[in-house]
Amino acid sequence: MNEAQRSEESGLTLLLYGGNALVPLSVAKCPECGAQLHAESTVWGAERGEPNTGDVMVDCTADPECEHRHWQCDWQPVVDAVERWCGATDV
């Protein structure tokens, strides 16, 4: 299994208990420039550590100065895809 496959399969594991990870391009990419994304879980379940839906922060790795617009109409489908990848639930 290559690194990309391992990342795709372990989205939940990577974001357990407030973890953070690079999101594979096959899962989602920046809707503004097409770059890779970084995700971080800010709220998680106490028992299993699963990320909470609505509390997974997604940022573009190519935008360190936060100059992207971040319009919800562009970013919400991306956030939804990342939440599915990491197994986020309503905690």
N, C-alpha and C. Protein backbone atom coordinates (compact mmCIF):
# COMPACT_ATOMS: atom_id res chain seq x y z
N MET A 1 0.85 -1.17 0.00
CA MET A 1 0.00 0.00 0.00
C MET A 1 0.90 1.24 0.00
N ASN A 2 0.62 2.18 -0.91
CA ASN A 2 1.45 3.39 -0.97
C ASN A 2 0.94 4.44 0.03
N GLU A 3 1.70 5.53 0.15
CA GLU A 3 1.38 6.57 1.15
C GLU A 3 0.01 7.19 0.89
N ALA A 4 -0.33 7.44 -0.37
CA ALA A 4 -1.62 8.04 -0.69
C ALA A 4 -2.77 7.13 -0.27
N GLN A 5 -2.65 5.83 -0.55
CA GLN A 5 -3.70 4.90 -0.14
C GLN A 5 -3.82 4.86 1.38
N ARG A 6 -2.71 4.84 2.08
CA ARG A 6 -2.73 4.80 3.54
C ARG A 6 -3.41 6.06 4.08
N SER A 7 -3.12 7.22 3.50
CA SER A 7 -3.73 8.47 3.95
C SER A 7 -5.23 8.46 3.72
N GLU A 8 -5.66 7.97 2.55
CA GLU A 8 -7.08 7.94 2.26
C GLU A 8 -7.82 7.02 3.21
N GLU A 9 -7.23 5.92 3.57
CA GLU A 9 -7.89 4.96 4.43
C GLU A 9 -7.86 5.36 5.89
N SER A 10 -6.94 6.23 6.27
CA SER A 10 -6.77 6.52 7.69
C SER A 10 -7.18 7.95 8.05
N GLY A 11 -8.09 8.55 7.30
CA GLY A 11 -8.53 9.90 7.63
C GLY A 11 -9.05 10.00 9.05
N LEU A 12 -9.84 9.02 9.48
CA LEU A 12 -10.35 9.03 10.85
C LEU A 12 -9.22 8.93 11.84
N THR A 13 -8.30 8.00 11.61
CA THR A 13 -7.18 7.80 12.53
C THR A 13 -6.34 9.07 12.64
N LEU A 14 -6.11 9.74 11.53
CA LEU A 14 -5.26 10.94 11.54
C LEU A 14 -5.88 12.09 12.32
N LEU A 15 -7.20 12.17 12.36
CA LEU A 15 -7.85 13.30 13.02
C LEU A 15 -8.46 12.95 14.37
N LEU A 16 -8.16 11.77 14.90
CA LEU A 16 -8.68 11.40 16.22
C LEU A 16 -8.12 12.33 17.29
N TYR A 17 -8.93 12.63 18.26
CA TYR A 17 -8.52 13.40 19.44
C TYR A 17 -7.78 14.69 19.08
N GLY A 18 -8.30 15.43 18.11
CA GLY A 18 -7.72 16.73 17.78
C GLY A 18 -6.50 16.68 16.89
N GLY A 19 -6.34 15.60 16.16
CA GLY A 19 -5.20 15.49 15.27
C GLY A 19 -5.33 16.40 14.05
N ASN A 20 -4.28 16.41 13.24
CA ASN A 20 -4.31 17.18 12.00
C ASN A 20 -3.59 16.39 10.92
N ALA A 21 -3.91 16.69 9.66
CA ALA A 21 -3.34 15.91 8.57
C ALA A 21 -3.47 16.66 7.25
N LEU A 22 -2.63 16.27 6.30
CA LEU A 22 -2.81 16.71 4.92
C LEU A 22 -3.90 15.85 4.31
N VAL A 23 -4.78 16.48 3.57
CA VAL A 23 -5.89 15.78 2.92
C VAL A 23 -5.42 15.33 1.54
N PRO A 24 -5.57 14.04 1.22
CA PRO A 24 -5.17 13.57 -0.11
C PRO A 24 -5.93 14.33 -1.21
N LEU A 25 -5.26 14.63 -2.30
CA LEU A 25 -5.90 15.35 -3.41
C LEU A 25 -7.07 14.57 -3.99
N SER A 26 -7.05 13.25 -3.84
CA SER A 26 -8.17 12.45 -4.35
C SER A 26 -9.43 12.62 -3.50
N VAL A 27 -9.29 13.17 -2.30
CA VAL A 27 -10.44 13.42 -1.42
C VAL A 27 -11.00 14.81 -1.70
N ALA A 28 -10.14 15.81 -1.69
CA ALA A 28 -10.55 17.19 -1.93
C ALA A 28 -9.32 18.04 -2.18
N LYS A 29 -9.53 19.16 -2.88
CA LYS A 29 -8.45 20.11 -3.11
C LYS A 29 -9.02 21.51 -2.95
N CYS A 30 -8.15 22.48 -2.85
CA CYS A 30 -8.58 23.86 -2.66
C CYS A 30 -9.47 24.28 -3.84
N PRO A 31 -10.67 24.78 -3.54
CA PRO A 31 -11.56 25.19 -4.62
C PRO A 31 -11.12 26.48 -5.31
N GLU A 32 -10.15 27.16 -4.74
CA GLU A 32 -9.71 28.43 -5.31
C GLU A 32 -8.44 28.31 -6.14
N CYS A 33 -7.51 27.43 -5.72
CA CYS A 33 -6.25 27.33 -6.47
C CYS A 33 -5.86 25.89 -6.81
N GLY A 34 -6.58 24.90 -6.29
CA GLY A 34 -6.30 23.50 -6.60
C GLY A 34 -5.20 22.86 -5.78
N ALA A 35 -4.68 23.57 -4.77
CA ALA A 35 -3.59 23.04 -3.94
C ALA A 35 -4.12 22.04 -2.91
N GLN A 36 -3.19 21.36 -2.26
CA GLN A 36 -3.52 20.40 -1.22
C GLN A 36 -4.05 21.12 0.02
N LEU A 37 -4.88 20.43 0.77
CA LEU A 37 -5.50 20.99 1.96
C LEU A 37 -4.93 20.38 3.23
N HIS A 38 -5.06 21.12 4.31
CA HIS A 38 -4.68 20.67 5.65
C HIS A 38 -5.97 20.67 6.47
N ALA A 39 -6.21 19.63 7.24
CA ALA A 39 -7.41 19.55 8.08
C ALA A 39 -7.01 19.34 9.53
N GLU A 40 -7.79 19.94 10.42
CA GLU A 40 -7.54 19.79 11.85
C GLU A 40 -8.87 19.65 12.57
N SER A 41 -8.94 18.69 13.47
CA SER A 41 -10.12 18.48 14.29
C SER A 41 -10.00 19.33 15.55
N THR A 42 -11.01 20.18 15.81
CA THR A 42 -10.96 21.05 16.98
C THR A 42 -11.89 20.59 18.10
N VAL A 43 -12.86 19.74 17.78
CA VAL A 43 -13.77 19.16 18.77
C VAL A 43 -13.94 17.70 18.42
N TRP A 44 -13.91 16.81 19.42
CA TRP A 44 -14.00 15.39 19.15
C TRP A 44 -14.75 14.68 20.27
N GLY A 45 -15.23 13.47 19.95
CA GLY A 45 -15.95 12.66 20.93
C GLY A 45 -15.03 12.17 22.04
N ALA A 46 -15.55 12.16 23.26
CA ALA A 46 -14.74 11.78 24.42
C ALA A 46 -14.37 10.31 24.43
N GLU A 47 -15.27 9.45 23.98
CA GLU A 47 -15.02 8.00 24.07
C GLU A 47 -14.11 7.47 22.98
N ARG A 48 -14.39 7.85 21.74
CA ARG A 48 -13.63 7.28 20.61
C ARG A 48 -12.71 8.29 19.94
N GLY A 49 -12.87 9.57 20.24
CA GLY A 49 -12.01 10.59 19.66
C GLY A 49 -12.36 11.02 18.26
N GLU A 50 -13.52 10.58 17.74
CA GLU A 50 -13.89 10.92 16.37
C GLU A 50 -14.16 12.42 16.24
N PRO A 51 -13.77 13.02 15.11
CA PRO A 51 -14.00 14.45 14.89
C PRO A 51 -15.49 14.77 14.89
N ASN A 52 -15.83 15.97 15.32
CA ASN A 52 -17.21 16.42 15.33
C ASN A 52 -17.52 17.15 14.02
N THR A 53 -18.65 16.80 13.42
CA THR A 53 -19.10 17.49 12.22
C THR A 53 -19.25 18.98 12.53
N GLY A 54 -18.72 19.82 11.67
CA GLY A 54 -18.77 21.26 11.87
C GLY A 54 -17.56 21.81 12.60
N ASP A 55 -16.72 20.93 13.11
CA ASP A 55 -15.53 21.38 13.85
C ASP A 55 -14.25 20.82 13.25
N VAL A 56 -14.26 20.58 11.95
CA VAL A 56 -13.06 20.18 11.23
C VAL A 56 -12.64 21.41 10.41
N MET A 57 -11.52 21.99 10.77
CA MET A 57 -11.02 23.17 10.08
C MET A 57 -10.21 22.74 8.86
N VAL A 58 -10.51 23.33 7.72
CA VAL A 58 -9.83 22.98 6.47
C VAL A 58 -9.19 24.25 5.90
N ASP A 59 -7.89 24.17 5.63
CA ASP A 59 -7.16 25.31 5.08
C ASP A 59 -6.31 24.87 3.89
N CYS A 60 -6.03 25.81 3.01
CA CYS A 60 -5.19 25.57 1.84
C CYS A 60 -3.72 25.68 2.23
N THR A 61 -2.93 24.69 1.85
CA THR A 61 -1.50 24.71 2.17
C THR A 61 -0.74 25.77 1.37
N ALA A 62 -1.31 26.23 0.26
CA ALA A 62 -0.65 27.23 -0.57
C ALA A 62 -1.08 28.66 -0.22
N ASP A 63 -1.83 28.80 0.86
CA ASP A 63 -2.35 30.12 1.25
C ASP A 63 -2.03 30.43 2.71
N PRO A 64 -0.74 30.51 3.07
CA PRO A 64 -0.37 30.73 4.48
C PRO A 64 -0.79 32.09 5.02
N GLU A 65 -1.02 33.05 4.16
CA GLU A 65 -1.43 34.39 4.61
C GLU A 65 -2.95 34.54 4.65
N CYS A 66 -3.67 33.47 4.37
CA CYS A 66 -5.15 33.47 4.41
C CYS A 66 -5.74 34.55 3.52
N GLU A 67 -5.30 34.58 2.27
CA GLU A 67 -5.81 35.57 1.33
C GLU A 67 -6.92 35.03 0.44
N HIS A 68 -7.22 33.74 0.53
CA HIS A 68 -8.35 33.19 -0.23
C HIS A 68 -9.65 33.79 0.30
N ARG A 69 -10.67 33.79 -0.54
CA ARG A 69 -11.97 34.37 -0.16
C ARG A 69 -12.68 33.55 0.90
N HIS A 70 -12.59 32.23 0.78
CA HIS A 70 -13.29 31.30 1.68
C HIS A 70 -14.81 31.48 1.62
N TRP A 71 -15.34 31.70 0.44
CA TRP A 71 -16.78 31.81 0.29
C TRP A 71 -17.39 30.44 0.57
N GLN A 72 -18.44 30.44 1.36
CA GLN A 72 -19.05 29.18 1.76
C GLN A 72 -19.55 28.38 0.56
N CYS A 73 -20.06 29.05 -0.46
CA CYS A 73 -20.57 28.32 -1.63
C CYS A 73 -19.47 27.50 -2.30
N ASP A 74 -18.22 27.96 -2.22
CA ASP A 74 -17.09 27.23 -2.79
C ASP A 74 -16.51 26.21 -1.82
N TRP A 75 -16.44 26.57 -0.55
CA TRP A 75 -15.72 25.76 0.43
C TRP A 75 -16.58 24.69 1.11
N GLN A 76 -17.90 24.89 1.22
CA GLN A 76 -18.72 23.92 1.97
C GLN A 76 -18.66 22.52 1.37
N PRO A 77 -18.73 22.34 0.04
CA PRO A 77 -18.61 20.99 -0.51
C PRO A 77 -17.25 20.35 -0.19
N VAL A 78 -16.21 21.17 -0.11
CA VAL A 78 -14.87 20.68 0.21
C VAL A 78 -14.83 20.22 1.67
N VAL A 79 -15.35 21.05 2.57
CA VAL A 79 -15.39 20.69 3.99
C VAL A 79 -16.22 19.42 4.19
N ASP A 80 -17.35 19.32 3.49
CA ASP A 80 -18.18 18.12 3.58
C ASP A 80 -17.41 16.87 3.16
N ALA A 81 -16.65 16.97 2.08
CA ALA A 81 -15.85 15.83 1.61
C ALA A 81 -14.79 15.44 2.62
N VAL A 82 -14.14 16.42 3.23
CA VAL A 82 -13.11 16.14 4.24
C VAL A 82 -13.75 15.50 5.47
N GLU A 83 -14.92 15.99 5.87
CA GLU A 83 -15.61 15.40 7.03
C GLU A 83 -16.00 13.95 6.75
N ARG A 84 -16.43 13.65 5.53
CA ARG A 84 -16.74 12.25 5.19
C ARG A 84 -15.47 11.41 5.23
N TRP A 85 -14.37 11.93 4.70
CA TRP A 85 -13.09 11.21 4.67
C TRP A 85 -12.62 10.86 6.08
N CYS A 86 -12.79 11.79 7.02
CA CYS A 86 -12.27 11.54 8.37
C CYS A 86 -13.31 10.93 9.30
N GLY A 87 -14.51 10.67 8.81
CA GLY A 87 -15.51 10.01 9.64
C GLY A 87 -16.11 10.89 10.71
N ALA A 88 -16.20 12.19 10.46
CA ALA A 88 -16.76 13.11 11.46
C ALA A 88 -18.22 12.75 11.74
N THR A 89 -18.60 12.88 13.00
CA THR A 89 -19.97 12.61 13.43
C THR A 89 -20.46 13.75 14.30
N ASP A 90 -21.76 13.79 14.55
CA ASP A 90 -22.31 14.77 15.49
C ASP A 90 -22.08 14.25 16.89
N VAL A 91 -21.11 14.83 17.56
CA VAL A 91 -20.74 14.37 18.91
C VAL A 91 -21.72 14.92 19.91
